[in-house]
Structures are given as C-alpha cells and as structure tokens.
N, C-alpha and C. Protein backbone atom coordinates (compact mmCIF):
# COMPACT_ATOMS: atom_id res chain seq x y z
N UNK A 1 -9.53 -229.71 62.20
CA UNK A 1 -10.72 -230.57 62.56
C UNK A 1 -12.35 -229.62 61.79
N UNK A 2 -13.06 -230.32 60.94
CA UNK A 2 -14.68 -229.72 60.74
C UNK A 2 -15.30 -230.43 61.32
N UNK A 3 -17.17 -230.55 61.92
CA UNK A 3 -17.84 -231.00 61.71
C UNK A 3 -17.26 -232.60 62.34
N UNK A 4 -16.44 -232.29 63.82
CA UNK A 4 -15.86 -233.79 64.06
C UNK A 4 -15.32 -234.46 62.96
N UNK A 5 -14.44 -234.04 62.20
CA UNK A 5 -13.86 -234.96 61.59
C UNK A 5 -12.21 -234.51 60.97
N UNK A 6 -11.29 -234.44 60.60
CA UNK A 6 -10.12 -234.74 61.32
C UNK A 6 -9.67 -234.38 59.92
N UNK A 7 -9.06 -233.37 58.55
CA UNK A 7 -9.39 -232.67 57.81
C UNK A 7 -8.02 -233.59 57.78
N UNK A 8 -7.61 -235.18 56.64
CA UNK A 8 -6.78 -234.74 56.21
C UNK A 8 -5.11 -234.31 55.41
N UNK A 9 -5.13 -233.24 54.85
CA UNK A 9 -3.75 -233.16 53.98
C UNK A 9 -2.76 -232.87 54.43
N UNK A 10 -2.22 -232.87 52.59
CA UNK A 10 -1.00 -233.35 53.29
C UNK A 10 -0.20 -232.06 53.35
N UNK A 11 0.29 -232.36 54.97
CA UNK A 11 1.54 -231.04 55.22
C UNK A 11 2.63 -231.19 54.38
N UNK A 12 2.93 -230.34 53.60
CA UNK A 12 4.28 -229.50 53.10
C UNK A 12 5.50 -229.37 53.66
N UNK A 13 6.53 -229.60 53.77
CA UNK A 13 7.74 -229.40 53.96
C UNK A 13 8.61 -228.45 53.94
N UNK A 14 8.94 -227.49 54.76
CA UNK A 14 9.75 -226.10 54.32
C UNK A 14 8.54 -225.10 53.35
N UNK A 15 7.68 -224.56 53.85
CA UNK A 15 6.90 -224.60 53.13
C UNK A 15 6.51 -224.22 52.28
N UNK A 16 6.75 -225.15 52.01
CA UNK A 16 6.35 -225.61 50.27
C UNK A 16 7.84 -225.59 49.39
N UNK A 17 8.63 -225.27 49.89
CA UNK A 17 10.18 -225.15 48.89
C UNK A 17 10.10 -226.21 48.47
N UNK A 18 10.85 -226.29 47.69
CA UNK A 18 11.02 -227.54 46.01
C UNK A 18 12.68 -227.56 46.14
N UNK A 19 12.55 -228.39 45.73
CA UNK A 19 13.34 -229.74 46.41
C UNK A 19 14.67 -230.05 44.51
N UNK A 20 16.00 -229.56 45.08
CA UNK A 20 16.96 -230.27 43.96
C UNK A 20 17.72 -231.00 44.29
N UNK A 21 17.01 -232.37 43.82
CA UNK A 21 18.14 -233.28 44.13
C UNK A 21 18.79 -233.76 43.35
N UNK A 22 19.80 -234.96 43.07
CA UNK A 22 19.75 -235.90 41.74
C UNK A 22 19.49 -237.09 41.84
N UNK A 23 18.85 -237.83 41.34
CA UNK A 23 17.57 -239.43 41.45
C UNK A 23 19.09 -240.39 41.58
N UNK A 24 18.97 -240.91 42.41
CA UNK A 24 20.00 -243.31 42.02
C UNK A 24 19.90 -243.74 41.89
N UNK A 25 18.65 -243.31 43.31
CA UNK A 25 17.91 -244.77 43.20
C UNK A 25 15.56 -244.89 43.59
N UNK A 26 15.62 -245.98 43.49
CA UNK A 26 14.16 -246.37 44.09
C UNK A 26 13.80 -247.27 44.91
N UNK A 27 13.60 -247.13 46.49
CA UNK A 27 13.78 -248.14 46.69
C UNK A 27 12.53 -248.25 46.73
N UNK A 28 11.63 -249.67 48.38
CA UNK A 28 10.59 -250.04 48.35
C UNK A 28 10.90 -250.64 50.02
N UNK A 29 9.80 -249.55 51.03
CA UNK A 29 10.23 -249.94 52.16
C UNK A 29 8.43 -249.41 53.21
N UNK A 30 8.23 -250.57 53.57
CA UNK A 30 7.03 -250.88 54.01
C UNK A 30 4.97 -250.32 53.39
N UNK A 31 5.04 -250.38 51.68
CA UNK A 31 4.48 -250.46 51.18
C UNK A 31 4.40 -249.41 50.58
N UNK A 32 6.26 -248.43 50.20
CA UNK A 32 5.85 -247.21 50.02
C UNK A 32 7.29 -247.44 48.75
N UNK A 33 6.90 -246.96 47.93
CA UNK A 33 8.16 -246.63 47.49
C UNK A 33 9.66 -244.86 47.57
N UNK A 34 10.39 -245.00 46.70
CA UNK A 34 11.14 -243.61 48.35
C UNK A 34 13.08 -243.83 47.64
N UNK A 35 12.99 -242.71 47.53
CA UNK A 35 13.99 -241.85 45.80
C UNK A 35 14.94 -241.71 46.89
N UNK A 36 15.76 -242.70 46.76
CA UNK A 36 17.34 -243.06 47.39
C UNK A 36 18.44 -241.24 46.32
N UNK A 37 18.35 -239.76 46.52
CA UNK A 37 18.90 -239.59 46.13
C UNK A 37 20.00 -238.54 46.22
N UNK A 38 21.04 -237.52 45.56
CA UNK A 38 21.53 -236.75 46.54
C UNK A 38 21.34 -235.56 46.72
N UNK A 39 21.65 -234.85 48.22
CA UNK A 39 21.50 -233.04 48.22
C UNK A 39 22.93 -232.51 48.31
N UNK A 40 22.99 -231.84 46.72
CA UNK A 40 24.54 -231.84 46.93
C UNK A 40 25.84 -230.37 47.60
N UNK A 41 23.94 -229.89 48.88
CA UNK A 41 23.85 -228.10 48.86
C UNK A 41 23.60 -229.43 50.42
N UNK A 42 23.34 -230.23 50.70
CA UNK A 42 24.26 -230.89 51.79
C UNK A 42 24.97 -231.60 52.29
N UNK A 43 25.30 -231.75 50.75
CA UNK A 43 26.77 -232.92 50.38
C UNK A 43 26.48 -234.62 51.07
N UNK A 44 25.33 -234.39 51.43
CA UNK A 44 24.97 -236.03 52.26
C UNK A 44 23.40 -236.48 51.20
N UNK A 45 23.58 -237.97 51.46
CA UNK A 45 22.14 -238.96 49.91
C UNK A 45 21.07 -238.58 51.43
N UNK A 46 19.70 -237.68 50.49
CA UNK A 46 18.45 -239.00 51.10
C UNK A 46 17.81 -239.12 50.11
N UNK A 47 16.90 -239.40 51.69
CA UNK A 47 15.40 -240.16 51.01
C UNK A 47 14.34 -239.58 51.26
N UNK A 48 13.48 -240.03 49.62
CA UNK A 48 12.40 -239.08 49.64
C UNK A 48 11.68 -239.58 49.45
N UNK A 49 9.43 -239.93 50.32
CA UNK A 49 8.52 -240.49 49.93
C UNK A 49 8.36 -240.67 48.48
N UNK A 50 8.16 -241.09 47.65
CA UNK A 50 6.91 -241.50 45.68
C UNK A 50 5.52 -240.64 46.34
N UNK A 51 5.17 -240.58 46.92
CA UNK A 51 3.81 -240.55 46.74
C UNK A 51 3.39 -239.82 47.78
N UNK A 52 4.28 -238.66 48.36
CA UNK A 52 3.82 -237.54 49.04
C UNK A 52 4.85 -236.69 47.77
N UNK A 53 5.62 -237.03 47.13
CA UNK A 53 6.14 -235.75 46.08
C UNK A 53 4.71 -235.36 44.86
N UNK A 54 5.31 -233.38 44.96
CA UNK A 54 4.15 -232.62 44.25
C UNK A 54 5.27 -231.97 42.87
N UNK A 55 4.84 -231.15 42.06
CA UNK A 55 4.85 -230.58 40.36
C UNK A 55 6.80 -231.48 40.82
N UNK A 56 7.05 -232.30 41.11
CA UNK A 56 8.32 -232.78 39.98
C UNK A 56 8.66 -232.42 38.46
N UNK A 57 10.05 -232.27 38.81
CA UNK A 57 10.87 -231.36 37.02
C UNK A 57 11.64 -231.91 36.41
N UNK A 58 11.97 -232.35 35.66
CA UNK A 58 13.01 -232.66 35.40
C UNK A 58 14.29 -231.33 35.00
N UNK A 59 15.63 -231.70 35.72
CA UNK A 59 16.92 -230.61 35.20
C UNK A 59 16.74 -230.63 34.11
N UNK A 60 17.70 -229.85 33.01
CA UNK A 60 19.01 -230.42 32.24
C UNK A 60 20.48 -229.80 33.04
N UNK A 61 20.20 -230.62 33.92
CA UNK A 61 21.97 -230.18 34.83
C UNK A 61 22.63 -231.79 35.20
N UNK A 62 23.89 -231.45 35.21
CA UNK A 62 24.60 -232.90 35.58
C UNK A 62 24.09 -232.62 36.65
N UNK A 63 23.83 -234.89 36.83
CA UNK A 63 24.02 -235.45 37.70
C UNK A 63 24.53 -235.22 38.94
N UNK A 64 24.94 -235.11 40.45
CA UNK A 64 25.39 -235.87 41.17
C UNK A 64 25.93 -236.06 42.29
N UNK A 65 26.74 -236.88 42.94
CA UNK A 65 26.99 -237.59 43.90
C UNK A 65 27.67 -238.99 43.63
N UNK A 66 28.25 -239.61 41.67
CA UNK A 66 28.00 -239.81 42.07
C UNK A 66 29.00 -240.83 42.70
N UNK A 67 29.96 -239.99 43.14
CA UNK A 67 31.15 -240.51 44.16
C UNK A 67 30.22 -241.13 45.34
N UNK A 68 30.15 -240.75 45.77
CA UNK A 68 29.12 -240.81 47.07
C UNK A 68 28.03 -242.43 46.27
N UNK A 69 27.94 -242.78 45.23
CA UNK A 69 26.56 -243.60 45.28
C UNK A 69 28.29 -244.83 44.16
N UNK A 70 29.14 -245.13 44.45
CA UNK A 70 30.26 -246.09 44.23
C UNK A 70 30.25 -247.12 44.47
N UNK A 71 29.93 -245.72 45.82
CA UNK A 71 29.92 -248.07 47.23
C UNK A 71 29.41 -247.33 47.72
N UNK A 72 27.60 -247.52 47.68
CA UNK A 72 26.76 -247.11 47.89
C UNK A 72 25.93 -249.22 48.22
N UNK A 73 25.58 -249.03 49.35
CA UNK A 73 25.37 -250.11 49.59
C UNK A 73 24.15 -250.32 49.89
N UNK A 74 22.41 -250.18 48.90
CA UNK A 74 21.93 -249.95 49.29
C UNK A 74 20.56 -250.88 50.19
N UNK A 75 20.95 -252.01 50.03
CA UNK A 75 19.93 -253.08 51.09
C UNK A 75 20.70 -253.19 53.03
N UNK A 76 21.85 -251.83 52.62
CA UNK A 76 22.38 -251.39 54.08
C UNK A 76 22.00 -250.49 54.34
N UNK A 77 21.23 -249.18 53.52
CA UNK A 77 20.25 -248.10 54.06
C UNK A 77 19.14 -248.37 53.94
N UNK A 78 18.61 -249.52 53.77
CA UNK A 78 17.59 -249.09 54.26
C UNK A 78 16.71 -249.98 55.55
N UNK A 79 17.88 -251.42 55.60
CA UNK A 79 17.23 -252.35 56.86
C UNK A 79 18.31 -251.49 58.23
N UNK A 80 19.26 -250.12 57.55
CA UNK A 80 19.37 -249.02 59.13
C UNK A 80 18.64 -247.81 59.41
N UNK A 81 17.88 -247.22 57.98
CA UNK A 81 16.69 -247.24 58.10
C UNK A 81 15.70 -247.26 58.49
N UNK A 82 14.96 -246.93 60.04
CA UNK A 82 13.82 -247.82 60.10
C UNK A 82 12.33 -246.97 59.53
N UNK A 83 11.30 -247.65 58.68
CA UNK A 83 10.95 -246.77 58.26
C UNK A 83 10.68 -246.11 57.46
N UNK A 84 12.12 -246.34 57.59
CA UNK A 84 12.88 -244.80 56.38
C UNK A 84 12.75 -243.29 57.00
N UNK A 85 12.66 -243.61 57.82
CA UNK A 85 12.51 -241.81 58.85
C UNK A 85 14.36 -241.57 59.34
N UNK A 86 15.04 -241.06 59.07
CA UNK A 86 16.41 -241.10 58.76
C UNK A 86 16.68 -240.66 60.76
N UNK A 87 17.93 -241.62 61.01
CA UNK A 87 18.69 -240.68 62.17
C UNK A 87 19.63 -240.77 62.46
N UNK A 88 20.33 -240.55 64.12
CA UNK A 88 22.05 -239.89 63.93
C UNK A 88 22.32 -241.83 63.74
N UNK A 89 23.09 -242.76 62.44
CA UNK A 89 23.72 -243.29 62.32
C UNK A 89 24.76 -243.71 63.35
N UNK A 90 24.13 -245.35 64.53
CA UNK A 90 24.68 -245.56 65.61
C UNK A 90 25.36 -246.57 65.77
N UNK A 91 26.41 -247.35 66.21
CA UNK A 91 26.65 -248.65 66.85
C UNK A 91 26.22 -248.87 67.85
N UNK A 92 24.25 -249.94 68.35
CA UNK A 92 24.35 -250.32 69.20
C UNK A 92 24.24 -251.41 69.63
N UNK A 93 24.86 -251.71 71.12
CA UNK A 93 24.66 -253.05 71.67
C UNK A 93 23.54 -253.25 72.43
N UNK A 94 23.34 -254.77 71.48
CA UNK A 94 20.91 -255.11 72.40
C UNK A 94 21.72 -256.79 73.26
N UNK A 95 20.90 -257.13 73.53
CA UNK A 95 21.21 -257.83 74.68
C UNK A 95 20.06 -258.51 74.46
N UNK A 96 19.76 -260.08 73.89
CA UNK A 96 18.98 -260.69 73.51
C UNK A 96 18.46 -261.74 74.21
N UNK A 97 17.36 -261.56 73.93
CA UNK A 97 16.64 -263.53 73.98
C UNK A 97 17.06 -263.79 73.53
N UNK A 98 17.87 -265.43 72.70
CA UNK A 98 17.74 -266.75 72.39
C UNK A 98 16.85 -267.01 71.43
N UNK A 99 15.52 -266.45 71.58
CA UNK A 99 15.07 -266.84 69.95
C UNK A 99 14.42 -265.56 69.38
N UNK A 100 15.87 -264.38 69.55
CA UNK A 100 15.00 -263.50 69.44
C UNK A 100 16.22 -262.87 68.01
N UNK A 101 16.95 -264.85 67.73
CA UNK A 101 18.31 -264.85 66.87
C UNK A 101 17.94 -264.23 65.94
N UNK A 102 16.66 -265.06 64.67
CA UNK A 102 16.55 -264.23 63.05
C UNK A 102 15.71 -263.39 63.47
N UNK A 103 15.00 -262.55 64.40
CA UNK A 103 14.35 -261.35 63.79
C UNK A 103 16.25 -260.25 64.41
N UNK A 104 16.67 -260.79 64.32
CA UNK A 104 18.31 -259.90 64.27
C UNK A 104 18.66 -259.83 63.09
N UNK A 105 18.88 -261.63 62.18
CA UNK A 105 18.85 -261.88 61.71
C UNK A 105 18.71 -261.19 60.77
N UNK A 106 17.26 -261.08 60.50
CA UNK A 106 16.27 -259.85 59.02
C UNK A 106 16.85 -259.01 58.91
N UNK A 107 16.46 -258.85 59.98
CA UNK A 107 16.91 -257.27 60.44
C UNK A 107 17.97 -256.11 59.46
N UNK A 108 18.89 -256.94 60.50
CA UNK A 108 20.80 -256.36 60.77
C UNK A 108 21.73 -257.19 59.25
N UNK A 109 20.54 -258.41 58.95
CA UNK A 109 21.84 -259.39 58.23
C UNK A 109 22.83 -260.39 58.78
N UNK A 110 23.32 -261.38 57.68
CA UNK A 110 23.63 -262.67 58.96
C UNK A 110 25.22 -262.35 58.98
N UNK A 111 25.48 -260.29 58.44
CA UNK A 111 26.99 -260.22 59.41
C UNK A 111 26.91 -260.26 60.38
N UNK A 112 26.05 -259.88 60.97
CA UNK A 112 25.60 -259.37 62.56
C UNK A 112 26.20 -259.53 63.14
N UNK A 113 27.07 -258.90 64.40
CA UNK A 113 28.28 -259.84 65.32
C UNK A 113 27.25 -259.19 66.07
N UNK A 114 27.16 -261.10 66.17
CA UNK A 114 26.33 -261.28 67.77
C UNK A 114 27.38 -262.99 67.78
N UNK A 115 27.04 -262.24 70.09
CA UNK A 115 27.65 -263.16 70.69
C UNK A 115 27.09 -263.76 71.12
N UNK A 116 27.29 -265.93 71.95
CA UNK A 116 26.16 -265.71 73.34
C UNK A 116 26.82 -265.08 74.68
N UNK A 117 25.86 -264.63 75.53
CA UNK A 117 25.90 -264.06 77.04
C UNK A 117 25.80 -265.93 77.70
N UNK A 118 25.10 -266.25 77.80
CA UNK A 118 24.11 -267.59 78.51
C UNK A 118 23.43 -268.02 77.35
N UNK A 119 22.99 -269.73 77.33
CA UNK A 119 22.37 -269.89 76.41
C UNK A 119 21.23 -269.72 76.41
N UNK A 120 20.58 -268.55 76.94
CA UNK A 120 19.18 -267.60 76.92
C UNK A 120 19.42 -266.89 76.15
N UNK A 121 20.67 -265.82 75.80
CA UNK A 121 20.42 -265.45 76.10
C UNK A 121 22.44 -264.80 75.14
N UNK A 122 21.71 -263.32 73.75
CA UNK A 122 23.04 -263.10 73.02
C UNK A 122 23.05 -262.31 73.05
N UNK A 123 24.22 -260.89 73.13
CA UNK A 123 24.91 -259.80 73.16
C UNK A 123 24.70 -259.51 70.63
N UNK A 124 24.38 -258.70 70.02
CA UNK A 124 24.81 -258.33 69.16
C UNK A 124 24.61 -256.49 69.27
N UNK A 125 25.03 -256.49 68.03
CA UNK A 125 26.41 -255.23 67.84
C UNK A 125 25.75 -254.94 66.82
N UNK A 126 24.48 -253.60 66.85
CA UNK A 126 24.41 -253.15 65.64
C UNK A 126 24.42 -251.42 64.60
N UNK A 127 24.36 -251.09 63.07
CA UNK A 127 24.66 -250.36 63.09
C UNK A 127 23.00 -249.53 62.85
N UNK A 128 22.53 -248.56 63.82
CA UNK A 128 20.39 -247.86 63.49
C UNK A 128 20.90 -246.99 63.09
N UNK A 129 19.59 -246.68 62.04
CA UNK A 129 19.58 -245.08 62.84
C UNK A 129 18.73 -244.99 63.73
N UNK A 130 19.34 -244.18 64.87
CA UNK A 130 18.33 -244.75 66.03
C UNK A 130 17.48 -242.75 65.50
N UNK A 131 16.57 -243.26 66.20
CA UNK A 131 15.15 -242.29 65.64
C UNK A 131 14.46 -242.89 66.11
N UNK A 132 12.85 -242.50 66.58
CA UNK A 132 11.93 -242.81 66.97
C UNK A 132 11.40 -243.59 66.62
N UNK A 133 11.65 -244.35 64.96
CA UNK A 133 10.79 -245.19 64.34
C UNK A 133 12.57 -246.86 64.92
N UNK A 134 12.89 -246.63 64.91
CA UNK A 134 13.96 -247.89 65.55
C UNK A 134 13.59 -248.32 67.11
N UNK A 135 13.41 -247.36 68.09
CA UNK A 135 12.95 -247.15 69.41
C UNK A 135 11.58 -248.32 69.12
N UNK A 136 10.76 -247.58 68.11
CA UNK A 136 9.04 -248.13 68.11
C UNK A 136 9.81 -249.39 67.42
N UNK A 137 9.91 -249.63 66.86
CA UNK A 137 10.36 -251.61 66.51
C UNK A 137 11.03 -252.63 67.98
N UNK A 138 11.86 -251.36 68.99
CA UNK A 138 12.53 -252.09 69.80
C UNK A 138 11.69 -252.36 70.45
N UNK A 139 10.63 -251.92 71.50
CA UNK A 139 9.21 -251.63 71.46
C UNK A 139 8.76 -252.80 71.62
N UNK A 140 8.41 -252.66 70.00
CA UNK A 140 7.01 -253.90 69.64
C UNK A 140 7.48 -255.12 69.44
N UNK A 141 9.38 -255.74 69.25
CA UNK A 141 9.68 -256.52 70.20
C UNK A 141 9.75 -257.05 72.09
N UNK A 142 9.23 -256.03 72.77
CA UNK A 142 9.86 -256.40 74.09
C UNK A 142 10.95 -257.01 74.46
N UNK A 143 10.68 -257.23 76.48
CA UNK A 143 11.08 -257.71 77.08
C UNK A 143 12.26 -258.32 76.55
N UNK A 144 12.25 -258.62 75.72
CA UNK A 144 12.98 -259.38 75.38
C UNK A 144 14.83 -259.34 74.84
N UNK A 145 14.47 -257.72 74.79
CA UNK A 145 15.74 -257.23 73.80
C UNK A 145 16.40 -255.69 74.69
N UNK A 146 16.98 -255.73 75.67
CA UNK A 146 17.42 -254.77 76.27
C UNK A 146 18.78 -254.10 75.10
N UNK A 147 18.53 -252.39 75.36
CA UNK A 147 19.97 -251.96 74.87
C UNK A 147 21.24 -251.23 75.83
N UNK A 148 22.01 -252.05 75.14
CA UNK A 148 22.57 -252.07 76.99
C UNK A 148 23.79 -250.94 76.61
N UNK A 149 24.25 -250.49 74.71
CA UNK A 149 25.11 -248.98 75.08
C UNK A 149 24.33 -248.52 73.53
N UNK A 150 25.24 -247.25 73.73
CA UNK A 150 25.71 -246.87 73.94
C UNK A 150 25.07 -246.05 75.28
N UNK A 151 25.06 -245.73 76.52
CA UNK A 151 24.21 -244.83 77.23
C UNK A 151 23.77 -243.57 76.77
N UNK A 152 24.41 -242.66 75.63
CA UNK A 152 23.22 -241.89 75.55
C UNK A 152 22.11 -242.29 74.98
N UNK A 153 22.67 -243.65 74.23
CA UNK A 153 20.78 -244.79 73.23
C UNK A 153 19.83 -244.98 74.37
N UNK A 154 19.80 -245.18 75.45
CA UNK A 154 19.51 -246.16 76.05
C UNK A 154 18.45 -244.95 76.91
N UNK A 155 19.59 -243.41 77.36
CA UNK A 155 18.67 -242.92 77.74
C UNK A 155 17.64 -242.75 76.86
N UNK A 156 18.75 -242.00 75.47
CA UNK A 156 16.70 -241.47 74.53
C UNK A 156 15.82 -242.38 74.54
N UNK A 157 16.31 -243.77 74.63
CA UNK A 157 15.17 -244.91 74.49
C UNK A 157 14.07 -244.55 76.46
N UNK A 158 14.82 -244.30 77.46
CA UNK A 158 14.14 -244.35 78.59
C UNK A 158 13.59 -242.85 77.75
N UNK A 159 13.73 -242.16 77.91
CA UNK A 159 13.34 -239.91 77.43
C UNK A 159 11.89 -241.17 76.45
N UNK A 160 11.71 -241.46 75.83
CA UNK A 160 10.28 -242.07 74.51
C UNK A 160 10.01 -242.97 74.98
N UNK A 161 9.91 -243.80 76.25
CA UNK A 161 9.57 -244.84 76.95
C UNK A 161 8.57 -243.62 77.12
N UNK A 162 9.26 -242.83 78.48
CA UNK A 162 8.39 -241.59 79.32
C UNK A 162 7.39 -241.22 78.88
N UNK A 163 7.71 -241.18 77.59
CA UNK A 163 7.17 -239.78 76.94
C UNK A 163 5.57 -240.57 76.63
N UNK A 164 5.19 -241.99 76.68
CA UNK A 164 4.40 -242.55 75.88
C UNK A 164 3.54 -242.88 76.60
N UNK A 165 4.23 -243.35 77.86
CA UNK A 165 3.84 -243.89 79.39
C UNK A 165 2.90 -242.06 79.66
N UNK A 166 3.23 -241.37 79.88
CA UNK A 166 3.22 -239.98 80.94
C UNK A 166 1.15 -239.57 80.51
N UNK A 167 1.44 -240.33 78.60
CA UNK A 167 0.50 -240.30 77.94
C UNK A 167 -1.45 -240.82 78.36
N UNK A 168 -0.69 -242.21 79.08
CA UNK A 168 -1.59 -242.63 79.83
C UNK A 168 -2.03 -243.41 81.21
C-alpha cells in the first residue's frame, strides 16, 4: 500500500519459475481464457489463466500427455472445476429444494443422478472439485441446498463458513 492506494501488482507463483507443459486445449470460463495442458513432471492435467502468463515460448520438444487427452472431456472438466480453481475431485451428495433442479442440471449436466426425497426436495450426486470456489457457489445458492455427504466435505464447508462468520 502506498499513499492509501493498494498496489495492483501481479504476483508470480513459485517465485517466477518457468513452467514447461504440453498444451492441449483452450477454454473460456468466467470471462477468462485458460490453457489446459499436461504437466509431465507431475503426470497430470493442469490449467493456467492465459492473461496471467508471462514470457511464453514454444519449445522444439515432443508434446506429451496424449494418452491422458485421448478420453479427456473438456466440458466435464470445466463443470467440476469451479472458477477454474482446482480442488480434490469428490462425489458429493446434495439435498436440494425442488426449485433448484435447473441449477443442478445447468452446473453438472443432464446426466447428473437426481432422485426425489419428497414433493419439495431431491437428492443429487455430483462430481465436484471441492474447493473454496465450490463452497462459494454453494453459499450463493443459499439455504435451499445442503451437503449431505461425505462428512469430511460437510466439515470443510462448516470451517469455510465459520472463518467467514468470524470476520464479522
């Protein structure tokens, strides 16, 4: 902070170390483009916000990760990765008010497992990247949706909410 103003400076991850990945897709989420790439050192698919990339270059090396992308579903990846912040992929069971059926279908797709509890509620089983962004989405929905399980995700959500409450 300087002269009462906050410095809006890009903070580099890993102290500005270079990342070497094999690019496979470009996607758009929440007003931003993301590069979806294979990180050979970690042996996993990762995503990177394009507007935050600096000093990019194309290397004359073999592109890796083809076997991971042979059956990769970009739409499913985007649906479970809230705000493009990764988390631990977890099957989460939600209890929802009936009026939220469209919200669940829009977020997780028509193939989502949903079963009626009673005339006013249903249960949905979704694959979500459990993260603060997932919890923020859930909080934005409000009291019409609750996490039924697993218990460790319920506890993480309680901790997330408690941390916010303590700020007020």
